[in-house]
Amino acid sequence: MVVDRGKVIADGTPAALKSRLGNTVTELGMGDVQEAARAEGLVSALAGGRSERDGATLRITSEDGRGC
């Protein structure tokens, strides 16, 4: 179940929800920009270059969200 501001916006098993969305994006909020930059260097290698940073937020994209 996915809840947004107290309202259910999607329901189902994790695998079913992921299969409907296609790519999975995981966001990691860091304490500051320097921490996010360090994390990006580590995560980028593990994620096959599928990461991006926006300020102190790091986003990792997975094409096979069902496998996550």
C-alpha atoms as a PDB file:
ATOM      1  CA  MET A   1       0.000   0.000   0.000  1.00  0.00           C
ATOM      2  CA  VAL A   2       1.239   3.482  -0.840  1.00  0.00           C
ATOM      3  CA  VAL A   3      -0.132   6.369   1.212  1.00  0.00           C
ATOM      4  CA  ASP A   4       0.279  10.041   0.302  1.00  0.00           C
ATOM      5  CA  ARG A   5      -0.816  12.631   2.868  1.00  0.00           C
ATOM      6  CA  GLY A   6      -3.149  10.150   4.526  1.00  0.00           C
ATOM      7  CA  LYS A   7      -4.791   8.947   1.300  1.00  0.00           C
ATOM      8  CA  VAL A   8      -4.180   5.505  -0.219  1.00  0.00           C
ATOM      9  CA  ILE A   9      -2.941   6.112  -3.766  1.00  0.00           C
ATOM     10  CA  ALA A  10      -1.945   2.526  -4.693  1.00  0.00           C
ATOM     11  CA  ASP A  11      -2.546  -0.926  -3.297  1.00  0.00           C
ATOM     12  CA  GLY A  12      -1.003  -4.317  -3.970  1.00  0.00           C
ATOM     13  CA  THR A  13       2.037  -6.434  -3.247  1.00  0.00           C
ATOM     14  CA  PRO A  14       5.460  -4.795  -3.555  1.00  0.00           C
ATOM     15  CA  ALA A  15       6.206  -6.845  -6.703  1.00  0.00           C
ATOM     16  CA  ALA A  16       2.878  -5.885  -8.316  1.00  0.00           C
ATOM     17  CA  LEU A  17       3.344  -2.189  -7.536  1.00  0.00           C
ATOM     18  CA  LYS A  18       6.902  -2.196  -8.888  1.00  0.00           C
ATOM     19  CA  SER A  19       5.903  -3.991 -12.093  1.00  0.00           C
ATOM     20  CA  ARG A  20       3.313  -1.280 -12.847  1.00  0.00           C
ATOM     21  CA  LEU A  21       5.851   1.529 -12.474  1.00  0.00           C
ATOM     22  CA  GLY A  22       8.683   0.342 -14.703  1.00  0.00           C
ATOM     23  CA  ASN A  23      11.928   1.857 -13.426  1.00  0.00           C
ATOM     24  CA  THR A  24      12.441   2.190  -9.709  1.00  0.00           C
ATOM     25  CA  VAL A  25      13.995   5.374  -8.337  1.00  0.00           C
ATOM     26  CA  THR A  26      15.363   5.350  -4.808  1.00  0.00           C
ATOM     27  CA  GLU A  27      16.083   8.709  -3.194  1.00  0.00           C
ATOM     28  CA  LEU A  28      18.589   9.101  -0.388  1.00  0.00           C
ATOM     29  CA  GLY A  29      18.468  12.378   1.524  1.00  0.00           C
ATOM     30  CA  MET A  30      21.868  13.237   2.991  1.00  0.00           C
ATOM     31  CA  GLY A  31      22.697  15.660   5.776  1.00  0.00           C
ATOM     32  CA  ASP A  32      24.527  18.038   3.453  1.00  0.00           C
ATOM     33  CA  VAL A  33      25.861  18.452  -0.068  1.00  0.00           C
ATOM     34  CA  GLN A  34      29.363  17.179   0.792  1.00  0.00           C
ATOM     35  CA  GLU A  35      27.959  13.920   2.212  1.00  0.00           C
ATOM     36  CA  ALA A  36      25.807  13.495  -0.893  1.00  0.00           C
ATOM     37  CA  ALA A  37      28.822  14.048  -3.166  1.00  0.00           C
ATOM     38  CA  ARG A  38      30.850  11.391  -1.306  1.00  0.00           C
ATOM     39  CA  ALA A  39      27.923   8.956  -1.402  1.00  0.00           C
ATOM     40  CA  GLU A  40      27.421   9.601  -5.114  1.00  0.00           C
ATOM     41  CA  GLY A  41      30.981   8.506  -5.822  1.00  0.00           C
ATOM     42  CA  LEU A  42      30.452   5.222  -3.988  1.00  0.00           C
ATOM     43  CA  VAL A  43      26.919   4.514  -5.194  1.00  0.00           C
ATOM     44  CA  SER A  44      27.590   5.412  -8.820  1.00  0.00           C
ATOM     45  CA  ALA A  45      30.095   2.576  -9.152  1.00  0.00           C
ATOM     46  CA  LEU A  46      27.672   0.093  -7.564  1.00  0.00           C
ATOM     47  CA  ALA A  47      24.659   1.319  -9.556  1.00  0.00           C
ATOM     48  CA  GLY A  48      26.425   1.155 -12.905  1.00  0.00           C
ATOM     49  CA  GLY A  49      26.376   4.928 -13.316  1.00  0.00           C
ATOM     50  CA  ARG A  50      22.609   5.161 -12.779  1.00  0.00           C
ATOM     51  CA  SER A  51      22.749   7.755 -10.053  1.00  0.00           C
ATOM     52  CA  GLU A  52      22.351  11.501  -9.993  1.00  0.00           C
ATOM     53  CA  ARG A  53      22.658  14.132  -7.308  1.00  0.00           C
ATOM     54  CA  ASP A  54      20.484  17.171  -6.700  1.00  0.00           C
ATOM     55  CA  GLY A  55      21.957  19.133  -3.821  1.00  0.00           C
ATOM     56  CA  ALA A  56      21.893  16.835  -0.786  1.00  0.00           C
ATOM     57  CA  THR A  57      19.619  14.259  -2.472  1.00  0.00           C
ATOM     58  CA  LEU A  58      20.988  11.243  -4.313  1.00  0.00           C
ATOM     59  CA  ARG A  59      18.748   9.360  -6.783  1.00  0.00           C
ATOM     60  CA  ILE A  60      19.480   5.806  -7.939  1.00  0.00           C
ATOM     61  CA  THR A  61      17.560   4.358 -10.908  1.00  0.00           C
ATOM     62  CA  SER A  62      16.997   0.633 -11.369  1.00  0.00           C
ATOM     63  CA  GLU A  63      15.532  -0.713 -14.603  1.00  0.00           C
ATOM     64  CA  ASP A  64      14.446  -3.923 -12.866  1.00  0.00           C
ATOM     65  CA  GLY A  65      12.651  -2.682  -9.765  1.00  0.00           C
ATOM     66  CA  ARG A  66      11.091  -6.081  -9.165  1.00  0.00           C
ATOM     67  CA  GLY A  67      14.534  -7.453  -8.413  1.00  0.00           C
ATOM     68  CA  CYS A  68      15.309  -4.821  -5.787  1.00  0.00           C
END
